[in-house]
Amino acid sequence: MKIAIPLANGKLSMHFGHCEKFILMDVDEKEKKIRSTKELAAPPHEPGLLPRFLHEAGAEVIISGGMGQRAKSLFEEKGIHVVVGAAALEPEKIAAAYLDGSLETGENCCDH
């Protein structure tokens, strides 16, 4: 499975559409570990572009601090599971918590 996390200053970016880059992690769900990571430069912020961009990169899960409802719907149309309300932590900690079922989420900080 591949997990995409938007980054700013090495941690999860709270505003999904305005991140510096994405980290795409290939994870083993059974062993609950990260197999590999790849950084992707964020494309220009244009409505509807990120769902296509991350789908083409192979993302199956997106973990974000916040995301607008329209973007969330576009990801779900592509078959990508969206998790919002995650804290601004290092991506490895977020992925590990997601895999072991302990990822804490709060409010969608971008629900507009």
PDB file of N, CA and C in Angstrom:
ATOM      1  N   MET A   1       0.851  -1.164   0.000  1.00  0.00           N
ATOM      2  CA  MET A   1       0.000   0.000   0.000  1.00  0.00           C
ATOM      3  C   MET A   1       0.904   1.236   0.000  1.00  0.00           C
ATOM      4  N   LYS A   2       0.441   2.281  -0.655  1.00  0.00           N
ATOM      5  CA  LYS A   2       1.200   3.529  -0.688  1.00  0.00           C
ATOM      6  C   LYS A   2       0.419   4.629   0.019  1.00  0.00           C
ATOM      7  N   ILE A   3       1.109   5.295   0.952  1.00  0.00           N
ATOM      8  CA  ILE A   3       0.543   6.389   1.733  1.00  0.00           C
ATOM      9  C   ILE A   3       1.212   7.683   1.299  1.00  0.00           C
ATOM     10  N   ALA A   4       0.406   8.703   1.010  1.00  0.00           N
ATOM     11  CA  ALA A   4       0.929  10.025   0.659  1.00  0.00           C
ATOM     12  C   ALA A   4       0.673  10.985   1.817  1.00  0.00           C
ATOM     13  N   ILE A   5       1.698  11.764   2.151  1.00  0.00           N
ATOM     14  CA  ILE A   5       1.599  12.748   3.225  1.00  0.00           C
ATOM     15  C   ILE A   5       2.166  14.065   2.706  1.00  0.00           C
ATOM     16  N   PRO A   6       1.391  15.170   2.807  1.00  0.00           N
ATOM     17  CA  PRO A   6       1.898  16.475   2.387  1.00  0.00           C
ATOM     18  C   PRO A   6       2.872  17.005   3.440  1.00  0.00           C
ATOM     19  N   LEU A   7       3.973  17.601   2.979  1.00  0.00           N
ATOM     20  CA  LEU A   7       4.998  18.065   3.912  1.00  0.00           C
ATOM     21  C   LEU A   7       5.279  19.562   3.805  1.00  0.00           C
ATOM     22  N   ALA A   8       5.622  20.138   4.954  1.00  0.00           N
ATOM     23  CA  ALA A   8       6.158  21.499   5.054  1.00  0.00           C
ATOM     24  C   ALA A   8       7.162  21.461   6.196  1.00  0.00           C
ATOM     25  N   ASN A   9       8.375  21.870   5.943  1.00  0.00           N
ATOM     26  CA  ASN A   9       9.440  21.861   6.949  1.00  0.00           C
ATOM     27  C   ASN A   9       9.652  20.478   7.577  1.00  0.00           C
ATOM     28  N   GLY A  10       9.541  19.429   6.767  1.00  0.00           N
ATOM     29  CA  GLY A  10       9.811  18.076   7.231  1.00  0.00           C
ATOM     30  C   GLY A  10       8.709  17.412   8.020  1.00  0.00           C
ATOM     31  N   LYS A  11       7.587  18.111   8.213  1.00  0.00           N
ATOM     32  CA  LYS A  11       6.456  17.549   8.962  1.00  0.00           C
ATOM     33  C   LYS A  11       5.194  17.670   8.130  1.00  0.00           C
ATOM     34  N   LEU A  12       4.149  16.985   8.589  1.00  0.00           N
ATOM     35  CA  LEU A  12       2.878  17.051   7.893  1.00  0.00           C
ATOM     36  C   LEU A  12       2.430  18.501   7.751  1.00  0.00           C
ATOM     37  N   SER A  13       2.065  18.872   6.545  1.00  0.00           N
ATOM     38  CA  SER A  13       1.560  20.221   6.266  1.00  0.00           C
ATOM     39  C   SER A  13       0.087  20.270   6.639  1.00  0.00           C
ATOM     40  N   MET A  14      -0.285  21.244   7.444  1.00  0.00           N
ATOM     41  CA  MET A  14      -1.668  21.329   7.896  1.00  0.00           C
ATOM     42  C   MET A  14      -2.626  21.730   6.775  1.00  0.00           C
ATOM     43  N   HIS A  15      -2.134  22.425   5.763  1.00  0.00           N
ATOM     44  CA  HIS A  15      -2.996  22.808   4.641  1.00  0.00           C
ATOM     45  C   HIS A  15      -2.556  22.016   3.423  1.00  0.00           C
ATOM     46  N   PHE A  16      -3.276  20.968   3.136  1.00  0.00           N
ATOM     47  CA  PHE A  16      -2.937  19.995   2.103  1.00  0.00           C
ATOM     48  C   PHE A  16      -2.555  20.617   0.760  1.00  0.00           C
ATOM     49  N   GLY A  17      -3.365  21.522   0.256  1.00  0.00           N
ATOM     50  CA  GLY A  17      -3.163  22.067  -1.082  1.00  0.00           C
ATOM     51  C   GLY A  17      -2.011  23.042  -1.214  1.00  0.00           C
ATOM     52  N   HIS A  18      -1.401  23.426  -0.100  1.00  0.00           N
ATOM     53  CA  HIS A  18      -0.313  24.395  -0.163  1.00  0.00           C
ATOM     54  C   HIS A  18       0.979  23.850   0.438  1.00  0.00           C
ATOM     55  N   CYS A  19       1.183  22.548   0.327  1.00  0.00           N
ATOM     56  CA  CYS A  19       2.390  21.940   0.884  1.00  0.00           C
ATOM     57  C   CYS A  19       3.592  22.185  -0.030  1.00  0.00           C
ATOM     58  N   GLU A  20       4.792  21.968   0.520  1.00  0.00           N
ATOM     59  CA  GLU A  20       6.030  22.119  -0.252  1.00  0.00           C
ATOM     60  C   GLU A  20       6.278  20.904  -1.149  1.00  0.00           C
ATOM     61  N   LYS A  21       5.960  19.717  -0.598  1.00  0.00           N
ATOM     62  CA  LYS A  21       6.191  18.464  -1.318  1.00  0.00           C
ATOM     63  C   LYS A  21       5.358  17.375  -0.667  1.00  0.00           C
ATOM     64  N   PHE A  22       5.372  16.216  -1.274  1.00  0.00           N
ATOM     65  CA  PHE A  22       4.696  15.047  -0.730  1.00  0.00           C
ATOM     66  C   PHE A  22       5.723  13.962  -0.492  1.00  0.00           C
ATOM     67  N   ILE A  23       5.490  13.154   0.513  1.00  0.00           N
ATOM     68  CA  ILE A  23       6.275  11.947   0.679  1.00  0.00           C
ATOM     69  C   ILE A  23       5.326  10.788   0.391  1.00  0.00           C
ATOM     70  N   LEU A  24       5.772   9.896  -0.448  1.00  0.00           N
ATOM     71  CA  LEU A  24       4.991   8.709  -0.811  1.00  0.00           C
ATOM     72  C   LEU A  24       5.707   7.518  -0.190  1.00  0.00           C
ATOM     73  N   MET A  25       5.006   6.838   0.708  1.00  0.00           N
ATOM     74  CA  MET A  25       5.603   5.717   1.433  1.00  0.00           C
ATOM     75  C   MET A  25       4.973   4.415   0.997  1.00  0.00           C
ATOM     76  N   ASP A  26       5.803   3.495   0.575  1.00  0.00           N
ATOM     77  CA  ASP A  26       5.354   2.140   0.268  1.00  0.00           C
ATOM     78  C   ASP A  26       5.452   1.375   1.584  1.00  0.00           C
ATOM     79  N   VAL A  27       4.318   0.910   2.098  1.00  0.00           N
ATOM     80  CA  VAL A  27       4.302   0.253   3.403  1.00  0.00           C
ATOM     81  C   VAL A  27       3.812  -1.181   3.289  1.00  0.00           C
ATOM     82  N   ASP A  28       4.252  -1.995   4.226  1.00  0.00           N
ATOM     83  CA  ASP A  28       3.790  -3.368   4.342  1.00  0.00           C
ATOM     84  C   ASP A  28       2.757  -3.393   5.464  1.00  0.00           C
ATOM     85  N   GLU A  29       1.493  -3.596   5.095  1.00  0.00           N
ATOM     86  CA  GLU A  29       0.412  -3.575   6.083  1.00  0.00           C
ATOM     87  C   GLU A  29       0.510  -4.720   7.087  1.00  0.00           C
ATOM     88  N   LYS A  30       0.944  -5.882   6.640  1.00  0.00           N
ATOM     89  CA  LYS A  30       1.023  -7.039   7.533  1.00  0.00           C
ATOM     90  C   LYS A  30       2.162  -6.891   8.536  1.00  0.00           C
ATOM     91  N   GLU A  31       3.326  -6.474   8.046  1.00  0.00           N
ATOM     92  CA  GLU A  31       4.479  -6.307   8.938  1.00  0.00           C
ATOM     93  C   GLU A  31       4.476  -4.955   9.630  1.00  0.00           C
ATOM     94  N   LYS A  32       3.575  -4.062   9.203  1.00  0.00           N
ATOM     95  CA  LYS A  32       3.425  -2.725   9.782  1.00  0.00           C
ATOM     96  C   LYS A  32       4.734  -1.946   9.762  1.00  0.00           C
ATOM     97  N   LYS A  33       5.339  -1.915   8.560  1.00  0.00           N
ATOM     98  CA  LYS A  33       6.575  -1.148   8.448  1.00  0.00           C
ATOM     99  C   LYS A  33       6.680  -0.493   7.075  1.00  0.00           C
ATOM    100  N   ILE A  34       7.522   0.520   7.029  1.00  0.00           N
ATOM    101  CA  ILE A  34       7.750   1.276   5.802  1.00  0.00           C
ATOM    102  C   ILE A  34       8.819   0.553   4.993  1.00  0.00           C
ATOM    103  N   ARG A  35       8.511   0.232   3.737  1.00  0.00           N
ATOM    104  CA  ARG A  35       9.476  -0.437   2.862  1.00  0.00           C
ATOM    105  C   ARG A  35      10.369   0.568   2.136  1.00  0.00           C
ATOM    106  N   SER A  36       9.744   1.661   1.666  1.00  0.00           N
ATOM    107  CA  SER A  36      10.519   2.674   0.955  1.00  0.00           C
ATOM    108  C   SER A  36       9.766   3.993   0.975  1.00  0.00           C
ATOM    109  N   THR A  37      10.505   5.072   0.721  1.00  0.00           N
ATOM    110  CA  THR A  37       9.898   6.403   0.653  1.00  0.00           C
ATOM    111  C   THR A  37      10.403   7.119  -0.592  1.00  0.00           C
ATOM    112  N   LYS A  38       9.570   8.001  -1.089  1.00  0.00           N
ATOM    113  CA  LYS A  38       9.931   8.791  -2.257  1.00  0.00           C
ATOM    114  C   LYS A  38       9.335  10.180  -2.084  1.00  0.00           C
ATOM    115  N   GLU A  39      10.150  11.201  -2.308  1.00  0.00           N
ATOM    116  CA  GLU A  39       9.646  12.569  -2.243  1.00  0.00           C
ATOM    117  C   GLU A  39       9.199  13.019  -3.623  1.00  0.00           C
ATOM    118  N   LEU A  40       8.066  13.696  -3.655  1.00  0.00           N
ATOM    119  CA  LEU A  40       7.515  14.230  -4.899  1.00  0.00           C
ATOM    120  C   LEU A  40       7.345  15.736  -4.748  1.00  0.00           C
ATOM    121  N   ALA A  41       7.867  16.501  -5.684  1.00  0.00           N
ATOM    122  CA  ALA A  41       7.649  17.947  -5.662  1.00  0.00           C
ATOM    123  C   ALA A  41       6.166  18.217  -5.883  1.00  0.00           C
ATOM    124  N   ALA A  42       5.621  19.125  -5.110  1.00  0.00           N
ATOM    125  CA  ALA A  42       4.198  19.457  -5.253  1.00  0.00           C
ATOM    126  C   ALA A  42       3.981  20.232  -6.551  1.00  0.00           C
ATOM    127  N   PRO A  43       2.977  19.844  -7.317  1.00  0.00           N
ATOM    128  CA  PRO A  43       2.672  20.593  -8.537  1.00  0.00           C
ATOM    129  C   PRO A  43       2.009  21.924  -8.157  1.00  0.00           C
ATOM    130  N   PRO A  44       1.811  22.816  -9.107  1.00  0.00           N
ATOM    131  CA  PRO A  44       1.140  24.084  -8.798  1.00  0.00           C
ATOM    132  C   PRO A  44      -0.252  23.819  -8.207  1.00  0.00           C
ATOM    133  N   HIS A  45      -0.682  24.702  -7.328  1.00  0.00           N
ATOM    134  CA  HIS A  45      -1.991  24.548  -6.691  1.00  0.00           C
ATOM    135  C   HIS A  45      -3.085  24.937  -7.680  1.00  0.00           C
ATOM    136  N   GLU A  46      -3.735  23.932  -8.232  1.00  0.00           N
ATOM    137  CA  GLU A  46      -4.842  24.122  -9.166  1.00  0.00           C
ATOM    138  C   GLU A  46      -5.960  23.181  -8.760  1.00  0.00           C
ATOM    139  N   PRO A  47      -7.204  23.653  -8.760  1.00  0.00           N
ATOM    140  CA  PRO A  47      -8.314  22.782  -8.385  1.00  0.00           C
ATOM    141  C   PRO A  47      -8.338  21.494  -9.216  1.00  0.00           C
ATOM    142  N   GLY A  48      -8.431  20.359  -8.520  1.00  0.00           N
ATOM    143  CA  GLY A  48      -8.549  19.066  -9.188  1.00  0.00           C
ATOM    144  C   GLY A  48      -7.247  18.425  -9.632  1.00  0.00           C
ATOM    145  N   LEU A  49      -6.123  19.137  -9.547  1.00  0.00           N
ATOM    146  CA  LEU A  49      -4.849  18.597 -10.026  1.00  0.00           C
ATOM    147  C   LEU A  49      -4.252  17.559  -9.069  1.00  0.00           C
ATOM    148  N   LEU A  50      -4.278  17.818  -7.766  1.00  0.00           N
ATOM    149  CA  LEU A  50      -3.628  16.908  -6.820  1.00  0.00           C
ATOM    150  C   LEU A  50      -4.229  15.501  -6.794  1.00  0.00           C
ATOM    151  N   PRO A  51      -5.546  15.347  -6.860  1.00  0.00           N
ATOM    152  CA  PRO A  51      -6.067  13.964  -6.892  1.00  0.00           C
ATOM    153  C   PRO A  51      -5.532  13.157  -8.075  1.00  0.00           C
ATOM    154  N   ARG A  52      -5.478  13.753  -9.240  1.00  0.00           N
ATOM    155  CA  ARG A  52      -4.942  13.054 -10.422  1.00  0.00           C
ATOM    156  C   ARG A  52      -3.447  12.785 -10.247  1.00  0.00           C
ATOM    157  N   PHE A  53      -2.703  13.791  -9.801  1.00  0.00           N
ATOM    158  CA  PHE A  53      -1.253  13.684  -9.607  1.00  0.00           C
ATOM    159  C   PHE A  53      -0.909  12.541  -8.636  1.00  0.00           C
ATOM    160  N   LEU A  54      -1.569  12.495  -7.483  1.00  0.00           N
ATOM    161  CA  LEU A  54      -1.249  11.474  -6.488  1.00  0.00           C
ATOM    162  C   LEU A  54      -1.797  10.094  -6.872  1.00  0.00           C
ATOM    163  N   HIS A  55      -2.909  10.066  -7.584  1.00  0.00           N
ATOM    164  CA  HIS A  55      -3.428   8.791  -8.096  1.00  0.00           C
ATOM    165  C   HIS A  55      -2.424   8.190  -9.080  1.00  0.00           C
ATOM    166  N   GLU A  56      -1.906   9.017  -9.983  1.00  0.00           N
ATOM    167  CA  GLU A  56      -0.917   8.540 -10.957  1.00  0.00           C
ATOM    168  C   GLU A  56       0.383   8.098 -10.284  1.00  0.00           C
ATOM    169  N   ALA A  57       0.681   8.676  -9.107  1.00  0.00           N
ATOM    170  CA  ALA A  57       1.880   8.272  -8.354  1.00  0.00           C
ATOM    171  C   ALA A  57       1.652   6.982  -7.583  1.00  0.00           C
ATOM    172  N   GLY A  58       0.413   6.500  -7.539  1.00  0.00           N
ATOM    173  CA  GLY A  58       0.111   5.234  -6.885  1.00  0.00           C
ATOM    174  C   GLY A  58      -0.427   5.341  -5.469  1.00  0.00           C
ATOM    175  N   ALA A  59      -0.729   6.548  -5.002  1.00  0.00           N
ATOM    176  CA  ALA A  59      -1.232   6.721  -3.632  1.00  0.00           C
ATOM    177  C   ALA A  59      -2.558   5.996  -3.446  1.00  0.00           C
ATOM    178  N   GLU A  60      -2.672   5.311  -2.322  1.00  0.00           N
ATOM    179  CA  GLU A  60      -3.909   4.622  -1.965  1.00  0.00           C
ATOM    180  C   GLU A  60      -4.541   5.221  -0.719  1.00  0.00           C
ATOM    181  N   VAL A  61      -3.724   5.918   0.076  1.00  0.00           N
ATOM    182  CA  VAL A  61      -4.171   6.590   1.292  1.00  0.00           C
ATOM    183  C   VAL A  61      -3.497   7.951   1.332  1.00  0.00           C
ATOM    184  N   ILE A  62      -4.269   8.968   1.724  1.00  0.00           N
ATOM    185  CA  ILE A  62      -3.722  10.311   1.941  1.00  0.00           C
ATOM    186  C   ILE A  62      -3.974  10.651   3.396  1.00  0.00           C
ATOM    187  N   ILE A  63      -2.947  11.075   4.103  1.00  0.00           N
ATOM    188  CA  ILE A  63      -3.105  11.507   5.487  1.00  0.00           C
ATOM    189  C   ILE A  63      -2.769  12.986   5.524  1.00  0.00           C
ATOM    190  N   SER A  64      -3.695  13.784   6.059  1.00  0.00           N
ATOM    191  CA  SER A  64      -3.555  15.231   6.018  1.00  0.00           C
ATOM    192  C   SER A  64      -4.060  15.867   7.303  1.00  0.00           C
ATOM    193  N   GLY A  65      -3.608  17.081   7.556  1.00  0.00           N
ATOM    194  CA  GLY A  65      -4.145  17.852   8.676  1.00  0.00           C
ATOM    195  C   GLY A  65      -5.507  18.389   8.320  1.00  0.00           C
ATOM    196  N   GLY A  66      -5.638  18.845   7.088  1.00  0.00           N
ATOM    197  CA  GLY A  66      -6.907  19.387   6.641  1.00  0.00           C
ATOM    198  C   GLY A  66      -7.017  19.347   5.138  1.00  0.00           C
ATOM    199  N   MET A  67      -8.262  19.273   4.673  1.00  0.00           N
ATOM    200  CA  MET A  67      -8.514  19.200   3.241  1.00  0.00           C
ATOM    201  C   MET A  67      -9.939  19.663   2.987  1.00  0.00           C
ATOM    202  N   GLY A  68     -10.115  20.453   1.947  1.00  0.00           N
ATOM    203  CA  GLY A  68     -11.455  20.886   1.570  1.00  0.00           C
ATOM    204  C   GLY A  68     -12.314  19.716   1.142  1.00  0.00           C
ATOM    205  N   GLN A  69     -13.618  19.874   1.283  1.00  0.00           N
ATOM    206  CA  GLN A  69     -14.557  18.801   0.973  1.00  0.00           C
ATOM    207  C   GLN A  69     -14.515  18.390  -0.496  1.00  0.00           C
ATOM    208  N   ARG A  70     -14.340  19.369  -1.390  1.00  0.00           N
ATOM    209  CA  ARG A  70     -14.276  19.069  -2.824  1.00  0.00           C
ATOM    210  C   ARG A  70     -13.063  18.184  -3.129  1.00  0.00           C
ATOM    211  N   ALA A  71     -11.894  18.552  -2.584  1.00  0.00           N
ATOM    212  CA  ALA A  71     -10.686  17.746  -2.805  1.00  0.00           C
ATOM    213  C   ALA A  71     -10.871  16.339  -2.239  1.00  0.00           C
ATOM    214  N   LYS A  72     -11.448  16.255  -1.062  1.00  0.00           N
ATOM    215  CA  LYS A  72     -11.678  14.951  -0.444  1.00  0.00           C
ATOM    216  C   LYS A  72     -12.552  14.078  -1.350  1.00  0.00           C
ATOM    217  N   SER A  73     -13.599  14.655  -1.902  1.00  0.00           N
ATOM    218  CA  SER A  73     -14.484  13.917  -2.809  1.00  0.00           C
ATOM    219  C   SER A  73     -13.753  13.453  -4.067  1.00  0.00           C
ATOM    220  N   LEU A  74     -12.890  14.323  -4.606  1.00  0.00           N
ATOM    221  CA  LEU A  74     -12.134  13.959  -5.813  1.00  0.00           C
ATOM    222  C   LEU A  74     -11.179  12.796  -5.547  1.00  0.00           C
ATOM    223  N   PHE A  75     -10.539  12.787  -4.377  1.00  0.00           N
ATOM    224  CA  PHE A  75      -9.658  11.665  -4.025  1.00  0.00           C
ATOM    225  C   PHE A  75     -10.467  10.383  -3.896  1.00  0.00           C
ATOM    226  N   GLU A  76     -11.601  10.466  -3.220  1.00  0.00           N
ATOM    227  CA  GLU A  76     -12.424   9.276  -3.017  1.00  0.00           C
ATOM    228  C   GLU A  76     -12.945   8.729  -4.343  1.00  0.00           C
ATOM    229  N   GLU A  77     -13.229   9.616  -5.308  1.00  0.00           N
ATOM    230  CA  GLU A  77     -13.642   9.163  -6.647  1.00  0.00           C
ATOM    231  C   GLU A  77     -12.538   8.357  -7.325  1.00  0.00           C
ATOM    232  N   LYS A  78     -11.286   8.658  -6.983  1.00  0.00           N
ATOM    233  CA  LYS A  78     -10.134   7.934  -7.547  1.00  0.00           C
ATOM    234  C   LYS A  78      -9.819   6.663  -6.739  1.00  0.00           C
ATOM    235  N   GLY A  79     -10.623   6.378  -5.699  1.00  0.00           N
ATOM    236  CA  GLY A  79     -10.388   5.193  -4.888  1.00  0.00           C
ATOM    237  C   GLY A  79      -9.321   5.378  -3.832  1.00  0.00           C
ATOM    238  N   ILE A  80      -9.004   6.627  -3.511  1.00  0.00           N
ATOM    239  CA  ILE A  80      -7.970   6.929  -2.517  1.00  0.00           C
ATOM    240  C   ILE A  80      -8.653   7.264  -1.191  1.00  0.00           C
ATOM    241  N   HIS A  81      -8.290   6.522  -0.146  1.00  0.00           N
ATOM    242  CA  HIS A  81      -8.843   6.750   1.191  1.00  0.00           C
ATOM    243  C   HIS A  81      -8.206   8.008   1.786  1.00  0.00           C
ATOM    244  N   VAL A  82      -9.025   8.888   2.344  1.00  0.00           N
ATOM    245  CA  VAL A  82      -8.554  10.153   2.902  1.00  0.00           C
ATOM    246  C   VAL A  82      -8.716  10.152   4.415  1.00  0.00           C
ATOM    247  N   VAL A  83      -7.638  10.498   5.121  1.00  0.00           N
ATOM    248  CA  VAL A  83      -7.657  10.667   6.573  1.00  0.00           C
ATOM    249  C   VAL A  83      -7.297  12.121   6.843  1.00  0.00           C
ATOM    250  N   VAL A  84      -8.161  12.849   7.546  1.00  0.00           N
ATOM    251  CA  VAL A  84      -7.881  14.247   7.880  1.00  0.00           C
ATOM    252  C   VAL A  84      -7.854  14.430   9.393  1.00  0.00           C
ATOM    253  N   GLY A  85      -7.251  15.530   9.813  1.00  0.00           N
ATOM    254  CA  GLY A  85      -7.185  15.845  11.229  1.00  0.00           C
ATOM    255  C   GLY A  85      -5.939  15.328  11.921  1.00  0.00           C
ATOM    256  N   ALA A  86      -4.946  14.880  11.154  1.00  0.00           N
ATOM    257  CA  ALA A  86      -3.693  14.396  11.745  1.00  0.00           C
ATOM    258  C   ALA A  86      -2.861  15.584  12.226  1.00  0.00           C
ATOM    259  N   ALA A  87      -2.022  15.340  13.205  1.00  0.00           N
ATOM    260  CA  ALA A  87      -1.147  16.374  13.763  1.00  0.00           C
ATOM    261  C   ALA A  87       0.094  16.559  12.894  1.00  0.00           C
ATOM    262  N   ALA A  88       0.724  17.721  13.021  1.00  0.00           N
ATOM    263  CA  ALA A  88       1.926  18.052  12.246  1.00  0.00           C
ATOM    264  C   ALA A  88       3.151  17.355  12.841  1.00  0.00           C
ATOM    265  N   LEU A  89       3.274  16.067  12.558  1.00  0.00           N
ATOM    266  CA  LEU A  89       4.402  15.256  13.024  1.00  0.00           C
ATOM    267  C   LEU A  89       5.251  14.822  11.833  1.00  0.00           C
ATOM    268  N   GLU A  90       6.353  14.149  12.118  1.00  0.00           N
ATOM    269  CA  GLU A  90       7.194  13.601  11.063  1.00  0.00           C
ATOM    270  C   GLU A  90       6.423  12.499  10.340  1.00  0.00           C
ATOM    271  N   PRO A  91       6.605  12.395   9.025  1.00  0.00           N
ATOM    272  CA  PRO A  91       5.821  11.422   8.255  1.00  0.00           C
ATOM    273  C   PRO A  91       6.005   9.971   8.697  1.00  0.00           C
ATOM    274  N   GLU A  92       7.195   9.605   9.148  1.00  0.00           N
ATOM    275  CA  GLU A  92       7.432   8.226   9.594  1.00  0.00           C
ATOM    276  C   GLU A  92       6.576   7.907  10.822  1.00  0.00           C
ATOM    277  N   LYS A  93       6.451   8.867  11.738  1.00  0.00           N
ATOM    278  CA  LYS A  93       5.624   8.661  12.934  1.00  0.00           C
ATOM    279  C   LYS A  93       4.149   8.535  12.550  1.00  0.00           C
ATOM    280  N   ILE A  94       3.723   9.348  11.594  1.00  0.00           N
ATOM    281  CA  ILE A  94       2.327   9.304  11.148  1.00  0.00           C
ATOM    282  C   ILE A  94       2.016   7.964  10.497  1.00  0.00           C
ATOM    283  N   ALA A  95       2.889   7.517   9.598  1.00  0.00           N
ATOM    284  CA  ALA A  95       2.666   6.240   8.911  1.00  0.00           C
ATOM    285  C   ALA A  95       2.663   5.081   9.903  1.00  0.00           C
ATOM    286  N   ALA A  96       3.600   5.084  10.847  1.00  0.00           N
ATOM    287  CA  ALA A  96       3.656   4.007  11.844  1.00  0.00           C
ATOM    288  C   ALA A  96       2.374   3.972  12.675  1.00  0.00           C
ATOM    289  N   ALA A  97       1.897   5.141  13.092  1.00  0.00           N
ATOM    290  CA  ALA A  97       0.663   5.199  13.882  1.00  0.00           C
ATOM    291  C   ALA A  97      -0.539   4.743  13.051  1.00  0.00           C
ATOM    292  N   TYR A  98      -0.582   5.117  11.779  1.00  0.00           N
ATOM    293  CA  TYR A  98      -1.673   4.674  10.906  1.00  0.00           C
ATOM    294  C   TYR A  98      -1.663   3.152  10.785  1.00  0.00           C
ATOM    295  N   LEU A  99      -0.496   2.580  10.576  1.00  0.00           N
ATOM    296  CA  LEU A  99      -0.383   1.135  10.382  1.00  0.00           C
ATOM    297  C   LEU A  99      -0.745   0.342  11.632  1.00  0.00           C
ATOM    298  N   ASP A 100      -0.408   0.870  12.814  1.00  0.00           N
ATOM    299  CA  ASP A 100      -0.732   0.111  14.031  1.00  0.00           C
ATOM    300  C   ASP A 100      -2.077   0.507  14.642  1.00  0.00           C
ATOM    301  N   GLY A 101      -2.814   1.387  13.947  1.00  0.00           N
ATOM    302  CA  GLY A 101      -4.153   1.744  14.393  1.00  0.00           C
ATOM    303  C   GLY A 101      -4.210   2.772  15.502  1.00  0.00           C
ATOM    304  N   SER A 102      -3.081   3.450  15.782  1.00  0.00           N
ATOM    305  CA  SER A 102      -3.064   4.417  16.878  1.00  0.00           C
ATOM    306  C   SER A 102      -3.033   5.873  16.420  1.00  0.00           C
ATOM    307  N   LEU A 103      -3.214   6.117  15.121  1.00  0.00           N
ATOM    308  CA  LEU A 103      -3.171   7.489  14.627  1.00  0.00           C
ATOM    309  C   LEU A 103      -4.360   8.282  15.184  1.00  0.00           C
ATOM    310  N   GLU A 104      -4.041   9.346  15.891  1.00  0.00           N
ATOM    311  CA  GLU A 104      -5.088  10.196  16.451  1.00  0.00           C
ATOM    312  C   GLU A 104      -5.397  11.316  15.469  1.00  0.00           C
ATOM    313  N   THR A 105      -6.679  11.527  15.250  1.00  0.00           N
ATOM    314  CA  THR A 105      -7.098  12.613  14.364  1.00  0.00           C
ATOM    315  C   THR A 105      -8.075  13.505  15.095  1.00  0.00           C
ATOM    316  N   GLY A 106      -8.037  14.785  14.729  1.00  0.00           N
ATOM    317  CA  GLY A 106      -8.951  15.750  15.318  1.00  0.00           C
ATOM    318  C   GLY A 106      -9.818  16.338  14.221  1.00  0.00           C
ATOM    319  N   GLU A 107     -10.099  17.600  14.363  1.00  0.00           N
ATOM    320  CA  GLU A 107     -10.933  18.270  13.386  1.00  0.00           C
ATOM    321  C   GLU A 107     -10.186  18.497  12.079  1.00  0.00           C
ATOM    322  N   ASN A 108     -10.929  18.533  11.006  1.00  0.00           N
ATOM    323  CA  ASN A 108     -10.390  18.876   9.700  1.00  0.00           C
ATOM    324  C   ASN A 108     -10.112  20.371   9.725  1.00  0.00           C
ATOM    325  N   CYS A 109      -8.843  20.750   9.804  1.00  0.00           N
ATOM    326  CA  CYS A 109      -8.491  22.162   9.950  1.00  0.00           C
ATOM    327  C   CYS A 109      -8.724  22.968   8.670  1.00  0.00           C
ATOM    328  N   CYS A 110      -9.173  22.333   7.633  1.00  0.00           N
ATOM    329  CA  CYS A 110      -9.340  22.985   6.325  1.00  0.00           C
ATOM    330  C   CYS A 110     -10.738  22.808   5.759  1.00  0.00           C
ATOM    331  N   ASP A 111     -11.695  22.479   6.564  1.00  0.00           N
ATOM    332  CA  ASP A 111     -13.023  22.135   6.051  1.00  0.00           C
ATOM    333  C   ASP A 111     -13.776  23.371   5.605  1.00  0.00           C
ATOM    334  N   HIS A 112     -13.576  23.726   4.317  1.00  0.00           N
ATOM    335  CA  HIS A 112     -14.237  24.902   3.761  1.00  0.00           C
ATOM    336  C   HIS A 112     -14.855  24.596   2.431  1.00  0.00           C
TER     337      HIS A 112
END
